[in-house]
């Protein structure tokens, strides 16, 4: 019989096998050691939140024990901040589920980094992967042609949340929220 532990990660509680816990602990320590100077706390909080999100996604509503195979799958998906492999994962046979988990989610946020007024135009430009100038010209033309551009801008400004964390900034662009992509936003978020 395997020994299990009750741990908290990303503000959520999980039951995890002892070997899976050791592997996860080793991954987080290696991840922390490879972070560039000045990236520490915020990136670690984001990576732990992402791990908790992926664990919840895989386990579903019924509480199950987190296995070594699941931890290996998640750590290989997230990678390291420098893009180099950590170490070889064990028991990674389920390719169909791995592909499902690696599909990035694209959500609309206000882009607070490159905003001029509220971040609506820069958020839309990042979401649709087009030039921000084009979006601004469209809103300006909409303002002069009946005023719908103004009201649309105000509605999006009120409804869309701000992309504050590196994980949200990755979601805005449709990138996978892994360590390498989230590290691109840590310097500019401070």
N, C-alpha and C. Protein backbone atom coordinates (compact mmCIF):
# COMPACT_ATOMS: atom_id res chain seq x y z
N UNK A 1 0.84 -1.17 0.00
CA UNK A 1 0.00 0.00 0.00
C UNK A 1 0.89 1.24 0.00
N UNK A 2 0.57 2.17 -0.90
CA UNK A 2 1.35 3.39 -1.01
C UNK A 2 0.97 4.37 0.09
N UNK A 3 1.97 5.10 0.53
CA UNK A 3 1.73 6.14 1.53
C UNK A 3 1.25 7.40 0.79
N UNK A 4 0.22 8.04 1.31
CA UNK A 4 -0.29 9.26 0.70
C UNK A 4 -0.15 10.43 1.66
N UNK A 5 -0.09 11.61 1.10
CA UNK A 5 0.03 12.84 1.87
C UNK A 5 -1.08 13.79 1.47
N UNK A 6 -1.46 14.65 2.37
CA UNK A 6 -2.42 15.70 2.09
C UNK A 6 -1.63 17.00 2.00
N UNK A 7 -1.54 17.60 0.79
CA UNK A 7 -0.74 18.82 0.61
C UNK A 7 -1.61 19.94 0.08
N UNK A 8 -1.11 21.15 0.24
CA UNK A 8 -1.74 22.32 -0.34
C UNK A 8 -0.83 22.92 -1.38
N UNK A 9 -1.37 23.14 -2.55
CA UNK A 9 -0.60 23.80 -3.62
C UNK A 9 -1.53 24.74 -4.36
N UNK A 10 -1.07 25.94 -4.57
CA UNK A 10 -1.87 26.94 -5.25
C UNK A 10 -3.15 27.28 -4.51
N UNK A 11 -3.14 27.13 -3.18
CA UNK A 11 -4.31 27.45 -2.37
C UNK A 11 -5.37 26.35 -2.36
N UNK A 12 -5.04 25.18 -2.90
CA UNK A 12 -6.00 24.07 -2.94
C UNK A 12 -5.38 22.84 -2.31
N UNK A 13 -6.23 21.97 -1.79
CA UNK A 13 -5.76 20.77 -1.09
C UNK A 13 -5.87 19.56 -2.00
N UNK A 14 -4.82 18.71 -1.95
CA UNK A 14 -4.78 17.50 -2.78
C UNK A 14 -4.25 16.35 -1.95
N UNK A 15 -4.71 15.15 -2.28
CA UNK A 15 -4.15 13.92 -1.73
C UNK A 15 -3.20 13.39 -2.79
N UNK A 16 -1.96 13.15 -2.39
CA UNK A 16 -0.92 12.82 -3.36
C UNK A 16 -0.09 11.65 -2.84
N UNK A 17 0.31 10.76 -3.76
CA UNK A 17 1.20 9.67 -3.40
C UNK A 17 2.54 10.24 -2.96
N UNK A 18 3.23 9.50 -2.09
CA UNK A 18 4.50 10.00 -1.56
C UNK A 18 5.54 10.18 -2.67
N UNK A 19 5.63 9.24 -3.60
CA UNK A 19 6.60 9.37 -4.69
C UNK A 19 6.25 10.55 -5.62
N UNK A 20 4.97 10.78 -5.83
CA UNK A 20 4.54 11.92 -6.64
C UNK A 20 4.85 13.23 -5.92
N UNK A 21 4.69 13.25 -4.61
CA UNK A 21 5.02 14.44 -3.82
C UNK A 21 6.52 14.74 -3.90
N UNK A 22 7.34 13.71 -3.79
CA UNK A 22 8.79 13.90 -3.89
C UNK A 22 9.16 14.46 -5.27
N UNK A 23 8.54 13.94 -6.31
CA UNK A 23 8.81 14.40 -7.67
C UNK A 23 8.37 15.85 -7.86
N UNK A 24 7.20 16.21 -7.34
CA UNK A 24 6.70 17.57 -7.45
C UNK A 24 7.58 18.54 -6.66
N UNK A 25 8.00 18.13 -5.49
CA UNK A 25 8.89 18.95 -4.67
C UNK A 25 10.23 19.17 -5.38
N UNK A 26 10.75 18.12 -5.99
CA UNK A 26 12.01 18.21 -6.73
C UNK A 26 11.85 19.16 -7.93
N UNK A 27 10.72 19.05 -8.63
CA UNK A 27 10.45 19.93 -9.77
C UNK A 27 10.42 21.40 -9.33
N UNK A 28 9.68 21.69 -8.26
CA UNK A 28 9.56 23.08 -7.80
C UNK A 28 10.90 23.64 -7.32
N UNK A 29 11.71 22.82 -6.66
CA UNK A 29 13.03 23.28 -6.23
C UNK A 29 13.93 23.55 -7.42
N UNK A 30 13.90 22.66 -8.42
CA UNK A 30 14.70 22.87 -9.64
C UNK A 30 14.22 24.10 -10.38
N UNK A 31 12.90 24.26 -10.46
CA UNK A 31 12.31 25.42 -11.13
C UNK A 31 12.77 26.71 -10.46
N UNK A 32 12.68 26.75 -9.14
CA UNK A 32 13.07 27.94 -8.37
C UNK A 32 14.55 28.27 -8.58
N UNK A 33 15.39 27.24 -8.66
CA UNK A 33 16.83 27.47 -8.83
C UNK A 33 17.17 28.00 -10.23
N UNK A 34 16.31 27.73 -11.21
CA UNK A 34 16.59 28.17 -12.59
C UNK A 34 15.97 29.51 -12.94
N UNK A 35 15.22 30.09 -12.04
CA UNK A 35 14.63 31.40 -12.31
C UNK A 35 15.72 32.46 -12.38
N UNK A 36 15.54 33.41 -13.27
CA UNK A 36 16.46 34.54 -13.34
C UNK A 36 16.29 35.39 -12.09
N UNK A 37 17.31 36.14 -11.77
CA UNK A 37 17.27 36.95 -10.55
C UNK A 37 16.12 37.96 -10.63
N UNK A 38 15.38 38.09 -9.54
CA UNK A 38 14.28 39.04 -9.47
C UNK A 38 12.94 38.48 -9.93
N UNK A 39 12.88 37.20 -10.28
CA UNK A 39 11.62 36.61 -10.76
C UNK A 39 10.92 35.79 -9.70
N UNK A 40 11.52 35.50 -8.60
CA UNK A 40 11.12 34.56 -7.58
C UNK A 40 9.67 34.38 -7.22
N UNK A 41 9.13 35.19 -6.33
CA UNK A 41 7.86 34.92 -5.66
C UNK A 41 6.68 34.91 -6.62
N UNK A 42 6.55 35.90 -7.47
CA UNK A 42 5.39 35.99 -8.36
C UNK A 42 5.32 34.82 -9.33
N UNK A 43 6.44 34.45 -9.91
CA UNK A 43 6.46 33.34 -10.86
C UNK A 43 6.16 32.03 -10.14
N UNK A 44 6.71 31.83 -8.95
CA UNK A 44 6.44 30.60 -8.20
C UNK A 44 4.97 30.50 -7.81
N UNK A 45 4.37 31.62 -7.42
CA UNK A 45 2.94 31.62 -7.11
C UNK A 45 2.12 31.26 -8.34
N UNK A 46 2.50 31.83 -9.50
CA UNK A 46 1.78 31.54 -10.74
C UNK A 46 1.95 30.08 -11.16
N UNK A 47 3.15 29.54 -11.01
CA UNK A 47 3.38 28.16 -11.44
C UNK A 47 2.64 27.19 -10.52
N UNK A 48 2.60 27.49 -9.22
CA UNK A 48 1.85 26.64 -8.29
C UNK A 48 0.35 26.73 -8.57
N UNK A 49 -0.14 27.92 -8.89
CA UNK A 49 -1.56 28.07 -9.23
C UNK A 49 -1.88 27.30 -10.51
N UNK A 50 -0.98 27.32 -11.47
CA UNK A 50 -1.18 26.60 -12.73
C UNK A 50 -1.17 25.08 -12.48
N UNK A 51 -0.27 24.62 -11.62
CA UNK A 51 -0.23 23.19 -11.28
C UNK A 51 -1.54 22.78 -10.62
N UNK A 52 -2.02 23.59 -9.68
CA UNK A 52 -3.29 23.28 -9.01
C UNK A 52 -4.44 23.26 -10.02
N UNK A 53 -4.44 24.20 -10.96
CA UNK A 53 -5.48 24.24 -11.99
C UNK A 53 -5.46 22.98 -12.85
N UNK A 54 -4.26 22.56 -13.25
CA UNK A 54 -4.15 21.35 -14.08
C UNK A 54 -4.53 20.10 -13.30
N UNK A 55 -4.16 20.05 -12.02
CA UNK A 55 -4.56 18.90 -11.19
C UNK A 55 -6.07 18.84 -11.06
N UNK A 56 -6.71 19.97 -10.78
CA UNK A 56 -8.18 20.00 -10.68
C UNK A 56 -8.84 19.60 -11.99
N UNK A 57 -8.27 20.08 -13.10
CA UNK A 57 -8.81 19.77 -14.42
C UNK A 57 -8.75 18.27 -14.68
N UNK A 58 -7.65 17.65 -14.29
CA UNK A 58 -7.48 16.22 -14.55
C UNK A 58 -8.28 15.36 -13.58
N UNK A 59 -8.32 15.75 -12.32
CA UNK A 59 -8.99 14.93 -11.31
C UNK A 59 -10.50 15.10 -11.34
N UNK A 60 -10.98 16.25 -11.77
CA UNK A 60 -12.41 16.49 -11.80
C UNK A 60 -12.95 16.76 -10.41
N UNK A 61 -14.25 16.59 -10.25
CA UNK A 61 -14.89 16.93 -8.98
C UNK A 61 -14.68 15.86 -7.91
N UNK A 62 -14.57 14.60 -8.30
CA UNK A 62 -14.34 13.54 -7.33
C UNK A 62 -12.90 13.54 -6.87
N UNK A 63 -12.66 13.60 -5.57
CA UNK A 63 -11.30 13.65 -5.07
C UNK A 63 -10.61 12.31 -5.30
N UNK A 64 -9.52 12.34 -6.03
CA UNK A 64 -8.71 11.16 -6.29
C UNK A 64 -7.30 11.45 -5.83
N UNK A 65 -6.50 10.42 -5.78
CA UNK A 65 -5.11 10.58 -5.39
C UNK A 65 -4.29 10.98 -6.61
N UNK A 66 -3.42 11.96 -6.43
CA UNK A 66 -2.53 12.41 -7.49
C UNK A 66 -1.40 11.40 -7.60
N UNK A 67 -1.20 10.88 -8.81
CA UNK A 67 -0.20 9.84 -9.04
C UNK A 67 1.08 10.43 -9.61
N UNK A 68 2.12 9.61 -9.59
CA UNK A 68 3.40 10.02 -10.15
C UNK A 68 3.27 10.28 -11.65
N UNK A 69 2.49 9.48 -12.35
CA UNK A 69 2.30 9.67 -13.80
C UNK A 69 1.67 11.03 -14.10
N UNK A 70 0.70 11.44 -13.29
CA UNK A 70 0.06 12.74 -13.50
C UNK A 70 1.03 13.88 -13.21
N UNK A 71 1.80 13.76 -12.16
CA UNK A 71 2.79 14.79 -11.84
C UNK A 71 3.82 14.90 -12.96
N UNK A 72 4.28 13.76 -13.48
CA UNK A 72 5.23 13.77 -14.59
C UNK A 72 4.63 14.43 -15.83
N UNK A 73 3.37 14.16 -16.10
CA UNK A 73 2.69 14.74 -17.25
C UNK A 73 2.61 16.26 -17.11
N UNK A 74 2.24 16.73 -15.94
CA UNK A 74 2.09 18.17 -15.72
C UNK A 74 3.43 18.88 -15.74
N UNK A 75 4.44 18.31 -15.10
CA UNK A 75 5.75 18.97 -15.08
C UNK A 75 6.40 18.99 -16.46
N UNK A 76 6.17 17.96 -17.26
CA UNK A 76 6.72 17.99 -18.62
C UNK A 76 5.98 19.01 -19.48
N UNK A 77 4.69 19.21 -19.21
CA UNK A 77 3.91 20.21 -19.94
C UNK A 77 4.37 21.62 -19.59
N UNK A 78 4.60 21.87 -18.31
CA UNK A 78 4.98 23.22 -17.88
C UNK A 78 6.41 23.57 -18.24
N UNK A 79 7.32 22.63 -18.17
CA UNK A 79 8.71 22.89 -18.52
C UNK A 79 9.43 23.72 -17.47
N UNK A 80 10.55 24.29 -17.89
CA UNK A 80 11.40 25.09 -17.01
C UNK A 80 11.47 26.53 -17.53
N UNK A 81 11.80 27.50 -16.68
CA UNK A 81 11.83 28.90 -17.13
C UNK A 81 12.90 29.19 -18.18
N UNK A 82 13.96 28.41 -18.21
CA UNK A 82 15.01 28.64 -19.20
C UNK A 82 14.81 27.81 -20.47
N UNK A 83 13.73 27.04 -20.53
CA UNK A 83 13.42 26.26 -21.72
C UNK A 83 14.16 24.95 -21.82
N UNK A 84 15.12 24.69 -20.93
CA UNK A 84 15.88 23.44 -20.96
C UNK A 84 15.09 22.36 -20.23
N UNK A 85 15.25 21.12 -20.65
CA UNK A 85 14.52 20.05 -19.97
C UNK A 85 15.06 19.85 -18.55
N UNK A 86 14.19 19.47 -17.66
CA UNK A 86 14.59 19.25 -16.27
C UNK A 86 15.25 17.88 -16.15
N UNK A 87 14.50 16.87 -16.33
CA UNK A 87 14.96 15.50 -16.35
C UNK A 87 13.87 14.67 -16.98
N UNK A 88 14.22 13.48 -17.37
CA UNK A 88 13.28 12.63 -18.08
C UNK A 88 12.13 12.21 -17.18
N UNK A 89 10.92 12.29 -17.72
CA UNK A 89 9.75 11.89 -16.93
C UNK A 89 9.53 10.39 -17.05
N UNK A 90 8.82 9.86 -16.07
CA UNK A 90 8.57 8.44 -16.00
C UNK A 90 7.10 8.18 -16.33
N UNK A 91 6.84 7.09 -17.06
CA UNK A 91 5.47 6.63 -17.31
C UNK A 91 4.61 7.70 -17.96
N UNK A 92 5.02 8.13 -19.16
CA UNK A 92 4.29 9.16 -19.88
C UNK A 92 3.66 8.54 -21.13
N UNK A 93 2.73 7.59 -20.95
CA UNK A 93 2.16 6.84 -22.06
C UNK A 93 0.90 7.47 -22.65
N UNK A 94 0.18 8.27 -21.91
CA UNK A 94 -1.12 8.74 -22.32
C UNK A 94 -1.00 9.99 -23.19
N UNK A 95 -0.69 9.82 -24.49
CA UNK A 95 -0.45 10.95 -25.39
C UNK A 95 -1.73 11.72 -25.68
N UNK A 96 -2.87 11.06 -25.78
CA UNK A 96 -4.13 11.73 -26.10
C UNK A 96 -4.47 12.75 -25.01
N UNK A 97 -4.34 12.36 -23.74
CA UNK A 97 -4.65 13.28 -22.66
C UNK A 97 -3.62 14.39 -22.57
N UNK A 98 -2.37 14.09 -22.89
CA UNK A 98 -1.32 15.12 -22.86
C UNK A 98 -1.61 16.19 -23.91
N UNK A 99 -2.06 15.79 -25.10
CA UNK A 99 -2.41 16.76 -26.13
C UNK A 99 -3.58 17.62 -25.68
N UNK A 100 -4.56 17.01 -25.02
CA UNK A 100 -5.73 17.75 -24.54
C UNK A 100 -5.31 18.81 -23.53
N UNK A 101 -4.39 18.46 -22.63
CA UNK A 101 -3.98 19.39 -21.59
C UNK A 101 -3.10 20.51 -22.14
N UNK A 102 -2.41 20.29 -23.27
CA UNK A 102 -1.49 21.29 -23.77
C UNK A 102 -2.15 22.31 -24.70
N UNK A 103 -3.46 22.19 -24.95
CA UNK A 103 -4.15 23.19 -25.76
C UNK A 103 -4.27 24.48 -24.96
N UNK A 104 -3.65 25.55 -25.44
CA UNK A 104 -3.72 26.80 -24.69
C UNK A 104 -5.12 27.43 -24.77
N UNK A 105 -5.49 28.09 -23.71
CA UNK A 105 -6.77 28.78 -23.63
C UNK A 105 -6.55 30.23 -24.02
N UNK A 106 -7.43 30.78 -24.84
CA UNK A 106 -7.32 32.18 -25.25
C UNK A 106 -8.49 32.94 -24.66
N UNK A 107 -8.19 33.94 -23.84
CA UNK A 107 -9.22 34.75 -23.19
C UNK A 107 -8.93 36.22 -23.44
N UNK A 108 -9.99 37.02 -23.47
CA UNK A 108 -9.85 38.45 -23.67
C UNK A 108 -9.62 39.14 -22.33
N UNK A 109 -8.53 39.89 -22.27
CA UNK A 109 -8.18 40.71 -21.11
C UNK A 109 -7.83 42.10 -21.59
N UNK A 110 -7.80 43.05 -20.66
CA UNK A 110 -7.26 44.37 -20.96
C UNK A 110 -5.74 44.28 -20.83
N UNK A 111 -5.03 44.74 -21.84
CA UNK A 111 -3.57 44.68 -21.82
C UNK A 111 -3.04 45.93 -21.13
N UNK A 112 -2.69 45.81 -19.87
CA UNK A 112 -2.27 46.97 -19.08
C UNK A 112 -0.84 47.40 -19.36
N UNK A 113 -0.07 46.57 -20.04
CA UNK A 113 1.32 46.92 -20.32
C UNK A 113 1.46 47.92 -21.46
N UNK A 114 0.67 47.76 -22.51
CA UNK A 114 0.84 48.63 -23.67
C UNK A 114 -0.41 49.47 -23.93
N UNK A 115 -1.06 49.86 -22.87
CA UNK A 115 -2.30 50.63 -23.02
C UNK A 115 -2.00 52.12 -23.22
N UNK A 116 -2.93 52.78 -23.89
CA UNK A 116 -2.89 54.24 -24.03
C UNK A 116 -3.93 54.86 -23.11
N UNK A 117 -5.11 54.23 -23.04
CA UNK A 117 -6.17 54.75 -22.18
C UNK A 117 -6.60 53.65 -21.20
N UNK A 118 -7.31 52.66 -21.66
CA UNK A 118 -7.81 51.63 -20.77
C UNK A 118 -7.24 50.25 -21.03
N UNK A 119 -6.57 50.06 -22.14
CA UNK A 119 -6.02 48.76 -22.49
C UNK A 119 -6.94 47.94 -23.36
N UNK A 120 -8.07 48.52 -23.79
CA UNK A 120 -9.02 47.78 -24.61
C UNK A 120 -8.43 47.48 -25.98
N UNK A 121 -7.93 48.49 -26.66
CA UNK A 121 -7.39 48.30 -28.02
C UNK A 121 -6.18 47.37 -28.02
N UNK A 122 -5.27 47.57 -27.07
CA UNK A 122 -4.09 46.70 -27.01
C UNK A 122 -4.48 45.28 -26.62
N UNK A 123 -5.50 45.11 -25.77
CA UNK A 123 -5.99 43.78 -25.42
C UNK A 123 -6.62 43.08 -26.61
N UNK A 124 -7.44 43.80 -27.36
CA UNK A 124 -8.05 43.22 -28.56
C UNK A 124 -7.00 42.87 -29.61
N UNK A 125 -6.00 43.73 -29.75
CA UNK A 125 -4.93 43.47 -30.72
C UNK A 125 -4.15 42.22 -30.34
N UNK A 126 -3.84 42.06 -29.05
CA UNK A 126 -3.12 40.86 -28.61
C UNK A 126 -3.99 39.62 -28.76
N UNK A 127 -5.27 39.74 -28.45
CA UNK A 127 -6.19 38.61 -28.54
C UNK A 127 -6.34 38.13 -29.99
N UNK A 128 -6.52 39.08 -30.92
CA UNK A 128 -6.70 38.71 -32.33
C UNK A 128 -5.38 38.66 -33.10
N UNK A 129 -4.27 38.95 -32.44
CA UNK A 129 -2.93 38.91 -33.03
C UNK A 129 -2.83 39.79 -34.28
N UNK A 130 -3.28 41.04 -34.11
CA UNK A 130 -3.15 42.03 -35.18
C UNK A 130 -2.54 43.30 -34.59
N UNK A 131 -2.20 44.23 -35.46
CA UNK A 131 -1.55 45.47 -35.03
C UNK A 131 -2.51 46.34 -34.22
N UNK A 132 -2.02 46.86 -33.12
CA UNK A 132 -2.84 47.67 -32.23
C UNK A 132 -3.29 48.96 -32.92
N UNK A 133 -2.49 49.49 -33.84
CA UNK A 133 -2.84 50.72 -34.55
C UNK A 133 -4.12 50.51 -35.36
N UNK A 134 -4.25 49.34 -35.97
CA UNK A 134 -5.44 49.04 -36.76
C UNK A 134 -6.69 49.05 -35.87
N UNK A 135 -6.61 48.45 -34.71
CA UNK A 135 -7.74 48.44 -33.77
C UNK A 135 -8.09 49.86 -33.34
N UNK A 136 -7.08 50.66 -33.06
CA UNK A 136 -7.32 52.04 -32.63
C UNK A 136 -7.99 52.85 -33.74
N UNK A 137 -7.56 52.63 -34.99
CA UNK A 137 -8.17 53.34 -36.13
C UNK A 137 -9.63 52.91 -36.29
N UNK A 138 -9.91 51.62 -36.10
CA UNK A 138 -11.29 51.13 -36.22
C UNK A 138 -12.17 51.75 -35.14
N UNK A 139 -11.67 51.83 -33.91
CA UNK A 139 -12.47 52.45 -32.84
C UNK A 139 -12.65 53.95 -33.09
N UNK A 140 -11.63 54.61 -33.61
CA UNK A 140 -11.74 56.03 -33.91
C UNK A 140 -12.75 56.28 -35.04
N UNK A 141 -12.70 55.43 -36.06
CA UNK A 141 -13.67 55.55 -37.15
C UNK A 141 -15.08 55.28 -36.64
N UNK A 142 -15.22 54.31 -35.75
CA UNK A 142 -16.53 54.01 -35.16
C UNK A 142 -17.04 55.16 -34.32
N UNK A 143 -16.15 55.90 -33.70
CA UNK A 143 -16.53 57.06 -32.89
C UNK A 143 -17.11 58.17 -33.78
N UNK A 144 -16.47 58.39 -34.92
CA UNK A 144 -16.92 59.45 -35.81
C UNK A 144 -18.12 59.04 -36.68
N UNK A 145 -18.35 57.76 -36.85
CA UNK A 145 -19.46 57.27 -37.68
C UNK A 145 -20.61 56.77 -36.82
N UNK A 146 -21.15 57.62 -36.01
CA UNK A 146 -22.33 57.23 -35.25
C UNK A 146 -22.10 57.01 -33.77
N UNK A 147 -20.88 56.99 -33.31
CA UNK A 147 -20.60 56.89 -31.89
C UNK A 147 -20.59 55.49 -31.31
N UNK A 148 -20.81 54.45 -32.13
CA UNK A 148 -20.82 53.10 -31.56
C UNK A 148 -19.45 52.68 -31.07
N UNK A 149 -18.38 53.23 -31.63
CA UNK A 149 -17.01 52.92 -31.20
C UNK A 149 -16.78 53.30 -29.76
N UNK A 150 -17.32 54.45 -29.37
CA UNK A 150 -17.17 54.91 -27.98
C UNK A 150 -17.87 53.96 -27.02
N UNK A 151 -19.12 53.60 -27.33
CA UNK A 151 -19.89 52.74 -26.44
C UNK A 151 -19.32 51.33 -26.38
N UNK A 152 -18.87 50.82 -27.51
CA UNK A 152 -18.24 49.50 -27.53
C UNK A 152 -16.98 49.49 -26.68
N UNK A 153 -16.17 50.55 -26.80
CA UNK A 153 -14.95 50.67 -26.00
C UNK A 153 -15.28 50.68 -24.51
N UNK A 154 -16.27 51.46 -24.12
CA UNK A 154 -16.67 51.57 -22.71
C UNK A 154 -17.17 50.21 -22.19
N UNK A 155 -17.97 49.52 -22.97
CA UNK A 155 -18.50 48.22 -22.55
C UNK A 155 -17.37 47.20 -22.35
N UNK A 156 -16.46 47.14 -23.31
CA UNK A 156 -15.34 46.20 -23.18
C UNK A 156 -14.47 46.59 -22.00
N UNK A 157 -14.25 47.87 -21.78
CA UNK A 157 -13.44 48.35 -20.67
C UNK A 157 -14.04 47.92 -19.33
N UNK A 158 -15.36 47.94 -19.23
CA UNK A 158 -16.04 47.56 -17.99
C UNK A 158 -16.06 46.04 -17.82
N UNK A 159 -16.31 45.30 -18.89
CA UNK A 159 -16.53 43.86 -18.80
C UNK A 159 -15.23 43.05 -18.73
N UNK A 160 -14.24 43.40 -19.52
CA UNK A 160 -13.02 42.59 -19.61
C UNK A 160 -12.11 42.82 -18.39
N UNK A 161 -11.60 41.75 -17.81
CA UNK A 161 -10.67 41.90 -16.68
C UNK A 161 -9.28 42.30 -17.16
N UNK A 162 -8.48 42.84 -16.25
CA UNK A 162 -7.11 43.22 -16.58
C UNK A 162 -6.20 42.00 -16.54
N UNK A 163 -5.26 41.92 -17.47
CA UNK A 163 -4.25 40.85 -17.46
C UNK A 163 -3.12 41.28 -16.54
N UNK A 164 -3.17 40.82 -15.30
CA UNK A 164 -2.19 41.24 -14.30
C UNK A 164 -1.07 40.22 -14.10
N UNK A 165 -1.38 38.94 -14.12
CA UNK A 165 -0.38 37.92 -13.87
C UNK A 165 0.23 37.44 -15.19
N UNK A 166 1.42 36.87 -15.13
CA UNK A 166 2.01 36.31 -16.35
C UNK A 166 1.14 35.23 -16.99
N UNK A 167 0.43 34.45 -16.20
CA UNK A 167 -0.44 33.41 -16.76
C UNK A 167 -1.59 34.04 -17.55
N UNK A 168 -2.17 35.13 -17.04
CA UNK A 168 -3.24 35.82 -17.76
C UNK A 168 -2.72 36.47 -19.04
N UNK A 169 -1.50 36.97 -19.00
CA UNK A 169 -0.91 37.58 -20.20
C UNK A 169 -0.66 36.53 -21.27
N UNK A 170 -0.33 35.31 -20.86
CA UNK A 170 -0.19 34.21 -21.82
C UNK A 170 -1.55 33.83 -22.41
N UNK A 171 -2.57 33.76 -21.56
CA UNK A 171 -3.92 33.44 -22.04
C UNK A 171 -4.41 34.49 -23.03
N UNK A 172 -4.10 35.74 -22.79
CA UNK A 172 -4.51 36.82 -23.69
C UNK A 172 -3.96 36.59 -25.09
N UNK A 173 -2.75 36.14 -25.18
CA UNK A 173 -2.10 35.93 -26.48
C UNK A 173 -2.34 34.55 -27.06
N UNK A 174 -2.99 33.67 -26.29
CA UNK A 174 -3.24 32.31 -26.76
C UNK A 174 -2.03 31.41 -26.63
N UNK A 175 -1.10 31.78 -25.76
CA UNK A 175 0.09 30.97 -25.53
C UNK A 175 -0.19 30.00 -24.40
N UNK A 176 0.51 28.89 -24.41
CA UNK A 176 0.42 27.95 -23.31
C UNK A 176 1.04 28.59 -22.07
N UNK A 177 0.38 28.48 -20.95
CA UNK A 177 0.86 29.08 -19.70
C UNK A 177 1.91 28.19 -19.07
N UNK A 178 3.07 28.10 -19.72
CA UNK A 178 4.16 27.31 -19.16
C UNK A 178 5.24 28.26 -18.63
N UNK A 179 6.23 27.70 -18.03
CA UNK A 179 7.25 28.50 -17.36
C UNK A 179 8.00 29.41 -18.33
N UNK A 180 8.34 28.91 -19.49
CA UNK A 180 9.10 29.69 -20.46
C UNK A 180 8.31 30.91 -20.93
N UNK A 181 7.02 30.73 -21.23
CA UNK A 181 6.19 31.85 -21.68
C UNK A 181 5.90 32.84 -20.57
N UNK A 182 5.64 32.33 -19.36
CA UNK A 182 5.34 33.23 -18.24
C UNK A 182 6.57 34.05 -17.85
N UNK A 183 7.76 33.51 -18.04
CA UNK A 183 8.99 34.23 -17.71
C UNK A 183 9.18 35.46 -18.60
N UNK A 184 8.55 35.49 -19.77
CA UNK A 184 8.66 36.63 -20.68
C UNK A 184 7.99 37.88 -20.10
N UNK A 185 7.07 37.70 -19.17
CA UNK A 185 6.29 38.81 -18.63
C UNK A 185 6.71 39.23 -17.23
N UNK A 186 7.62 38.54 -16.60
CA UNK A 186 7.95 38.87 -15.22
C UNK A 186 8.73 40.17 -15.10
N UNK A 187 9.61 40.45 -16.04
CA UNK A 187 10.41 41.68 -15.97
C UNK A 187 9.54 42.91 -16.21
N UNK A 188 8.60 42.81 -17.14
CA UNK A 188 7.78 43.97 -17.50
C UNK A 188 6.61 44.19 -16.55
N UNK A 189 6.30 43.21 -15.70
CA UNK A 189 5.15 43.37 -14.80
C UNK A 189 5.51 44.12 -13.54
N UNK A 190 6.78 44.43 -13.33
CA UNK A 190 7.18 45.14 -12.12
C UNK A 190 7.47 46.58 -12.38
